[in-house]
């Protein structure tokens, strides 16, 4: 089952996985923001609560906007 699930679960997934804890996301986010701040990088950070937003997000809009932000 692990080999099958690994095709569907990204390395960034934290919830409900062995040896990973959801609060690790907070630490990773803080490290990311610290690096952006100390290196004076131009960056955008977007948090989307997919559970709440899934039904009202315009996914086509996100597909168009995110590549533009990543430039």
PDB file of N, CA and C in Angstrom:
ATOM      1  N   UNK A   1       0.818  -1.189   0.000  1.00  0.00           N
ATOM      2  CA  UNK A   1       0.000   0.000   0.000  1.00  0.00           C
ATOM      3  C   UNK A   1       0.864   1.256   0.000  1.00  0.00           C
ATOM      4  N   UNK A   2       2.021   1.229   0.676  1.00  0.00           N
ATOM      5  CA  UNK A   2       2.892   2.395   0.708  1.00  0.00           C
ATOM      6  C   UNK A   2       3.353   2.813  -0.676  1.00  0.00           C
ATOM      7  N   UNK A   3       3.712   1.831  -1.485  1.00  0.00           N
ATOM      8  CA  UNK A   3       4.189   2.171  -2.819  1.00  0.00           C
ATOM      9  C   UNK A   3       3.092   2.833  -3.644  1.00  0.00           C
ATOM     10  N   UNK A   4       1.873   2.415  -3.469  1.00  0.00           N
ATOM     11  CA  UNK A   4       0.756   3.023  -4.189  1.00  0.00           C
ATOM     12  C   UNK A   4       0.467   4.420  -3.667  1.00  0.00           C
ATOM     13  N   UNK A   5       0.411   4.571  -2.351  1.00  0.00           N
ATOM     14  CA  UNK A   5       0.112   5.868  -1.762  1.00  0.00           C
ATOM     15  C   UNK A   5       1.200   6.891  -2.052  1.00  0.00           C
ATOM     16  N   UNK A   6       2.445   6.450  -2.160  1.00  0.00           N
ATOM     17  CA  UNK A   6       3.532   7.395  -2.415  1.00  0.00           C
ATOM     18  C   UNK A   6       3.366   8.096  -3.762  1.00  0.00           C
ATOM     19  N   UNK A   7       2.617   7.507  -4.661  1.00  0.00           N
ATOM     20  CA  UNK A   7       2.337   8.158  -5.951  1.00  0.00           C
ATOM     21  C   UNK A   7       1.360   9.315  -5.787  1.00  0.00           C
ATOM     22  N   UNK A   8       0.578   9.291  -4.716  1.00  0.00           N
ATOM     23  CA  UNK A   8      -0.472  10.285  -4.532  1.00  0.00           C
ATOM     24  C   UNK A   8      -0.191  11.279  -3.413  1.00  0.00           C
ATOM     25  N   UNK A   9       0.770  10.976  -2.562  1.00  0.00           N
ATOM     26  CA  UNK A   9       1.059  11.844  -1.424  1.00  0.00           C
ATOM     27  C   UNK A   9       2.390  12.546  -1.690  1.00  0.00           C
ATOM     28  N   UNK A  10       2.351  13.862  -1.695  1.00  0.00           N
ATOM     29  CA  UNK A  10       3.566  14.630  -1.968  1.00  0.00           C
ATOM     30  C   UNK A  10       4.461  14.668  -0.731  1.00  0.00           C
ATOM     31  N   UNK A  11       5.748  14.973  -0.918  1.00  0.00           N
ATOM     32  CA  UNK A  11       6.662  15.080   0.233  1.00  0.00           C
ATOM     33  C   UNK A  11       6.269  16.203   1.183  1.00  0.00           C
ATOM     34  N   UNK A  12       5.468  17.154   0.695  1.00  0.00           N
ATOM     35  CA  UNK A  12       5.045  18.275   1.535  1.00  0.00           C
ATOM     36  C   UNK A  12       3.848  17.935   2.411  1.00  0.00           C
ATOM     37  N   UNK A  13       3.253  16.788   2.211  1.00  0.00           N
ATOM     38  CA  UNK A  13       2.104  16.359   3.007  1.00  0.00           C
ATOM     39  C   UNK A  13       2.569  16.044   4.420  1.00  0.00           C
ATOM     40  N   UNK A  14       1.894  16.575   5.421  1.00  0.00           N
ATOM     41  CA  UNK A  14       2.284  16.331   6.804  1.00  0.00           C
ATOM     42  C   UNK A  14       1.223  15.617   7.609  1.00  0.00           C
ATOM     43  N   UNK A  15      -0.024  15.890   7.342  1.00  0.00           N
ATOM     44  CA  UNK A  15      -1.077  15.328   8.173  1.00  0.00           C
ATOM     45  C   UNK A  15      -1.275  13.842   7.956  1.00  0.00           C
ATOM     46  N   UNK A  16      -1.431  13.121   9.042  1.00  0.00           N
ATOM     47  CA  UNK A  16      -1.822  11.718   9.039  1.00  0.00           C
ATOM     48  C   UNK A  16      -0.780  10.784   8.414  1.00  0.00           C
ATOM     49  N   UNK A  17       0.484  11.154   8.477  1.00  0.00           N
ATOM     50  CA  UNK A  17       1.543  10.297   7.964  1.00  0.00           C
ATOM     51  C   UNK A  17       2.492   9.916   9.085  1.00  0.00           C
ATOM     52  N   UNK A  18       3.010   8.687   9.007  1.00  0.00           N
ATOM     53  CA  UNK A  18       3.952   8.189  10.002  1.00  0.00           C
ATOM     54  C   UNK A  18       5.219   9.044   9.975  1.00  0.00           C
ATOM     55  N   UNK A  19       5.766   9.378  11.126  1.00  0.00           N
ATOM     56  CA  UNK A  19       6.991  10.156  11.304  1.00  0.00           C
ATOM     57  C   UNK A  19       6.861  11.619  10.890  1.00  0.00           C
ATOM     58  N   UNK A  20       5.677  12.101  10.618  1.00  0.00           N
ATOM     59  CA  UNK A  20       5.477  13.514  10.312  1.00  0.00           C
ATOM     60  C   UNK A  20       4.358  14.040  11.193  1.00  0.00           C
ATOM     61  N   UNK A  21       4.524  15.282  11.611  1.00  0.00           N
ATOM     62  CA  UNK A  21       3.507  15.882  12.462  1.00  0.00           C
ATOM     63  C   UNK A  21       3.063  17.193  11.844  1.00  0.00           C
ATOM     64  N   UNK A  22       1.800  17.499  11.993  1.00  0.00           N
ATOM     65  CA  UNK A  22       1.215  18.656  11.343  1.00  0.00           C
ATOM     66  C   UNK A  22       1.878  19.952  11.812  1.00  0.00           C
ATOM     67  N   UNK A  23       2.354  20.017  13.047  1.00  0.00           N
ATOM     68  CA  UNK A  23       2.976  21.261  13.511  1.00  0.00           C
ATOM     69  C   UNK A  23       4.347  21.495  12.880  1.00  0.00           C
ATOM     70  N   UNK A  24       4.899  20.495  12.188  1.00  0.00           N
ATOM     71  CA  UNK A  24       6.144  20.709  11.447  1.00  0.00           C
ATOM     72  C   UNK A  24       5.947  21.727  10.320  1.00  0.00           C
ATOM     73  N   UNK A  25       4.732  21.847   9.838  1.00  0.00           N
ATOM     74  CA  UNK A  25       4.430  22.813   8.784  1.00  0.00           C
ATOM     75  C   UNK A  25       4.689  24.229   9.292  1.00  0.00           C
ATOM     76  N   UNK A  26       4.359  24.479  10.555  1.00  0.00           N
ATOM     77  CA  UNK A  26       4.576  25.801  11.134  1.00  0.00           C
ATOM     78  C   UNK A  26       6.064  26.120  11.136  1.00  0.00           C
ATOM     79  N   UNK A  27       6.884  25.185  11.547  1.00  0.00           N
ATOM     80  CA  UNK A  27       8.330  25.406  11.574  1.00  0.00           C
ATOM     81  C   UNK A  27       8.873  25.652  10.167  1.00  0.00           C
ATOM     82  N   UNK A  28       8.417  24.873   9.205  1.00  0.00           N
ATOM     83  CA  UNK A  28       8.867  25.069   7.822  1.00  0.00           C
ATOM     84  C   UNK A  28       8.434  26.432   7.290  1.00  0.00           C
ATOM     85  N   UNK A  29       7.238  26.851   7.624  1.00  0.00           N
ATOM     86  CA  UNK A  29       6.750  28.162   7.185  1.00  0.00           C
ATOM     87  C   UNK A  29       7.578  29.282   7.802  1.00  0.00           C
ATOM     88  N   UNK A  30       7.889  29.145   9.080  1.00  0.00           N
ATOM     89  CA  UNK A  30       8.703  30.158   9.744  1.00  0.00           C
ATOM     90  C   UNK A  30      10.105  30.225   9.144  1.00  0.00           C
ATOM     91  N   UNK A  31      10.683  29.091   8.841  1.00  0.00           N
ATOM     92  CA  UNK A  31      12.001  29.074   8.210  1.00  0.00           C
ATOM     93  C   UNK A  31      11.963  29.746   6.847  1.00  0.00           C
ATOM     94  N   UNK A  32      10.929  29.474   6.097  1.00  0.00           N
ATOM     95  CA  UNK A  32      10.767  30.073   4.779  1.00  0.00           C
ATOM     96  C   UNK A  32      10.652  31.593   4.892  1.00  0.00           C
ATOM     97  N   UNK A  33       9.797  32.064   5.782  1.00  0.00           N
ATOM     98  CA  UNK A  33       9.622  33.501   5.954  1.00  0.00           C
ATOM     99  C   UNK A  33      10.895  34.163   6.473  1.00  0.00           C
ATOM    100  N   UNK A  34      11.613  33.483   7.350  1.00  0.00           N
ATOM    101  CA  UNK A  34      12.879  34.014   7.862  1.00  0.00           C
ATOM    102  C   UNK A  34      13.897  34.162   6.728  1.00  0.00           C
ATOM    103  N   UNK A  35      13.989  33.159   5.873  1.00  0.00           N
ATOM    104  CA  UNK A  35      14.918  33.227   4.740  1.00  0.00           C
ATOM    105  C   UNK A  35      14.549  34.360   3.790  1.00  0.00           C
ATOM    106  N   UNK A  36      13.266  34.508   3.525  1.00  0.00           N
ATOM    107  CA  UNK A  36      12.805  35.586   2.648  1.00  0.00           C
ATOM    108  C   UNK A  36      13.195  36.931   3.242  1.00  0.00           C
ATOM    109  N   UNK A  37      12.994  37.076   4.537  1.00  0.00           N
ATOM    110  CA  UNK A  37      13.295  38.344   5.215  1.00  0.00           C
ATOM    111  C   UNK A  37      14.797  38.627   5.259  1.00  0.00           C
ATOM    112  N   UNK A  38      15.584  37.651   5.681  1.00  0.00           N
ATOM    113  CA  UNK A  38      17.024  37.899   5.854  1.00  0.00           C
ATOM    114  C   UNK A  38      17.761  38.039   4.526  1.00  0.00           C
ATOM    115  N   UNK A  39      17.261  37.385   3.484  1.00  0.00           N
ATOM    116  CA  UNK A  39      17.910  37.480   2.170  1.00  0.00           C
ATOM    117  C   UNK A  39      17.291  38.562   1.293  1.00  0.00           C
ATOM    118  N   UNK A  40      16.317  39.273   1.862  1.00  0.00           N
ATOM    119  CA  UNK A  40      15.644  40.367   1.151  1.00  0.00           C
ATOM    120  C   UNK A  40      15.139  39.913  -0.216  1.00  0.00           C
ATOM    121  N   UNK A  41      14.454  38.785  -0.224  1.00  0.00           N
ATOM    122  CA  UNK A  41      13.925  38.229  -1.464  1.00  0.00           C
ATOM    123  C   UNK A  41      12.545  38.801  -1.763  1.00  0.00           C
ATOM    124  N   UNK A  42      12.254  38.953  -3.029  1.00  0.00           N
ATOM    125  CA  UNK A  42      10.890  39.286  -3.431  1.00  0.00           C
ATOM    126  C   UNK A  42      10.115  37.975  -3.436  1.00  0.00           C
ATOM    127  N   UNK A  43       9.069  37.915  -2.663  1.00  0.00           N
ATOM    128  CA  UNK A  43       8.343  36.649  -2.546  1.00  0.00           C
ATOM    129  C   UNK A  43       6.879  36.904  -2.250  1.00  0.00           C
ATOM    130  N   UNK A  44       6.089  35.925  -2.571  1.00  0.00           N
ATOM    131  CA  UNK A  44       4.669  35.923  -2.221  1.00  0.00           C
ATOM    132  C   UNK A  44       4.387  34.647  -1.452  1.00  0.00           C
ATOM    133  N   UNK A  45       3.595  34.779  -0.425  1.00  0.00           N
ATOM    134  CA  UNK A  45       3.186  33.618   0.360  1.00  0.00           C
ATOM    135  C   UNK A  45       1.668  33.590   0.352  1.00  0.00           C
ATOM    136  N   UNK A  46       1.130  32.438   0.039  1.00  0.00           N
ATOM    137  CA  UNK A  46      -0.316  32.307  -0.020  1.00  0.00           C
ATOM    138  C   UNK A  46      -0.730  31.083   0.781  1.00  0.00           C
ATOM    139  N   UNK A  47      -1.657  31.281   1.687  1.00  0.00           N
ATOM    140  CA  UNK A  47      -2.193  30.177   2.467  1.00  0.00           C
ATOM    141  C   UNK A  47      -3.632  29.959   2.032  1.00  0.00           C
ATOM    142  N   UNK A  48      -3.939  28.749   1.684  1.00  0.00           N
ATOM    143  CA  UNK A  48      -5.299  28.410   1.281  1.00  0.00           C
ATOM    144  C   UNK A  48      -5.769  27.256   2.149  1.00  0.00           C
ATOM    145  N   UNK A  49      -6.859  27.466   2.840  1.00  0.00           N
ATOM    146  CA  UNK A  49      -7.472  26.404   3.630  1.00  0.00           C
ATOM    147  C   UNK A  49      -8.383  25.629   2.691  1.00  0.00           C
ATOM    148  N   UNK A  50      -7.871  24.549   2.131  1.00  0.00           N
ATOM    149  CA  UNK A  50      -8.609  23.827   1.112  1.00  0.00           C
ATOM    150  C   UNK A  50      -9.904  23.220   1.633  1.00  0.00           C
ATOM    151  N   UNK A  51      -9.934  22.885   2.901  1.00  0.00           N
ATOM    152  CA  UNK A  51     -11.165  22.309   3.445  1.00  0.00           C
ATOM    153  C   UNK A  51     -12.305  23.323   3.364  1.00  0.00           C
ATOM    154  N   UNK A  52     -12.010  24.554   3.743  1.00  0.00           N
ATOM    155  CA  UNK A  52     -13.048  25.582   3.737  1.00  0.00           C
ATOM    156  C   UNK A  52     -13.242  26.184   2.349  1.00  0.00           C
ATOM    157  N   UNK A  53     -12.169  26.271   1.586  1.00  0.00           N
ATOM    158  CA  UNK A  53     -12.224  27.003   0.324  1.00  0.00           C
ATOM    159  C   UNK A  53     -12.508  26.128  -0.889  1.00  0.00           C
ATOM    160  N   UNK A  54     -12.507  24.842  -0.722  1.00  0.00           N
ATOM    161  CA  UNK A  54     -12.598  23.962  -1.891  1.00  0.00           C
ATOM    162  C   UNK A  54     -13.811  24.275  -2.760  1.00  0.00           C
ATOM    163  N   UNK A  55     -14.948  24.505  -2.142  1.00  0.00           N
ATOM    164  CA  UNK A  55     -16.157  24.744  -2.904  1.00  0.00           C
ATOM    165  C   UNK A  55     -16.263  26.132  -3.495  1.00  0.00           C
ATOM    166  N   UNK A  56     -15.488  27.090  -2.995  1.00  0.00           N
ATOM    167  CA  UNK A  56     -15.654  28.461  -3.486  1.00  0.00           C
ATOM    168  C   UNK A  56     -14.402  29.011  -4.165  1.00  0.00           C
ATOM    169  N   UNK A  57     -13.368  28.224  -4.290  1.00  0.00           N
ATOM    170  CA  UNK A  57     -12.185  28.674  -5.016  1.00  0.00           C
ATOM    171  C   UNK A  57     -12.417  28.568  -6.509  1.00  0.00           C
ATOM    172  N   UNK A  58     -11.939  29.532  -7.236  1.00  0.00           N
ATOM    173  CA  UNK A  58     -11.974  29.452  -8.692  1.00  0.00           C
ATOM    174  C   UNK A  58     -10.654  28.813  -9.119  1.00  0.00           C
ATOM    175  N   UNK A  59     -10.661  27.508  -9.318  1.00  0.00           N
ATOM    176  CA  UNK A  59      -9.433  26.759  -9.597  1.00  0.00           C
ATOM    177  C   UNK A  59      -8.795  27.201 -10.906  1.00  0.00           C
ATOM    178  N   UNK A  60      -9.590  27.558 -11.881  1.00  0.00           N
ATOM    179  CA  UNK A  60      -9.024  28.022 -13.150  1.00  0.00           C
ATOM    180  C   UNK A  60      -8.240  29.314 -12.936  1.00  0.00           C
ATOM    181  N   UNK A  61      -8.772  30.195 -12.094  1.00  0.00           N
ATOM    182  CA  UNK A  61      -8.061  31.438 -11.753  1.00  0.00           C
ATOM    183  C   UNK A  61      -6.718  31.123 -11.103  1.00  0.00           C
ATOM    184  N   UNK A  62      -6.706  30.201 -10.146  1.00  0.00           N
ATOM    185  CA  UNK A  62      -5.451  29.835  -9.494  1.00  0.00           C
ATOM    186  C   UNK A  62      -4.454  29.241 -10.486  1.00  0.00           C
ATOM    187  N   UNK A  63      -4.935  28.421 -11.403  1.00  0.00           N
ATOM    188  CA  UNK A  63      -4.049  27.826 -12.412  1.00  0.00           C
ATOM    189  C   UNK A  63      -3.432  28.894 -13.307  1.00  0.00           C
ATOM    190  N   UNK A  64      -4.133  29.973 -13.518  1.00  0.00           N
ATOM    191  CA  UNK A  64      -3.609  31.063 -14.350  1.00  0.00           C
ATOM    192  C   UNK A  64      -2.689  31.994 -13.564  1.00  0.00           C
ATOM    193  N   UNK A  65      -3.029  32.261 -12.298  1.00  0.00           N
ATOM    194  CA  UNK A  65      -2.281  33.229 -11.502  1.00  0.00           C
ATOM    195  C   UNK A  65      -0.983  32.669 -10.937  1.00  0.00           C
ATOM    196  N   UNK A  66      -1.010  31.453 -10.432  1.00  0.00           N
ATOM    197  CA  UNK A  66       0.177  30.918  -9.760  1.00  0.00           C
ATOM    198  C   UNK A  66       1.417  30.871 -10.647  1.00  0.00           C
ATOM    199  N   UNK A  67       1.329  30.467 -11.905  1.00  0.00           N
ATOM    200  CA  UNK A  67       2.545  30.517 -12.736  1.00  0.00           C
ATOM    201  C   UNK A  67       3.086  31.926 -12.929  1.00  0.00           C
ATOM    202  N   UNK A  68       2.208  32.923 -12.934  1.00  0.00           N
ATOM    203  CA  UNK A  68       2.645  34.316 -13.080  1.00  0.00           C
ATOM    204  C   UNK A  68       3.383  34.782 -11.845  1.00  0.00           C
ATOM    205  N   UNK A  69       2.917  34.353 -10.676  1.00  0.00           N
ATOM    206  CA  UNK A  69       3.563  34.719  -9.415  1.00  0.00           C
ATOM    207  C   UNK A  69       4.938  34.065  -9.324  1.00  0.00           C
ATOM    208  N   UNK A  70       5.062  32.868  -9.840  1.00  0.00           N
ATOM    209  CA  UNK A  70       6.308  32.112  -9.720  1.00  0.00           C
ATOM    210  C   UNK A  70       7.435  32.677 -10.589  1.00  0.00           C
ATOM    211  N   UNK A  71       7.165  33.661 -11.404  1.00  0.00           N
ATOM    212  CA  UNK A  71       8.219  34.227 -12.261  1.00  0.00           C
ATOM    213  C   UNK A  71       9.277  34.882 -11.492  1.00  0.00           C
TER     214      UNK A  71
END
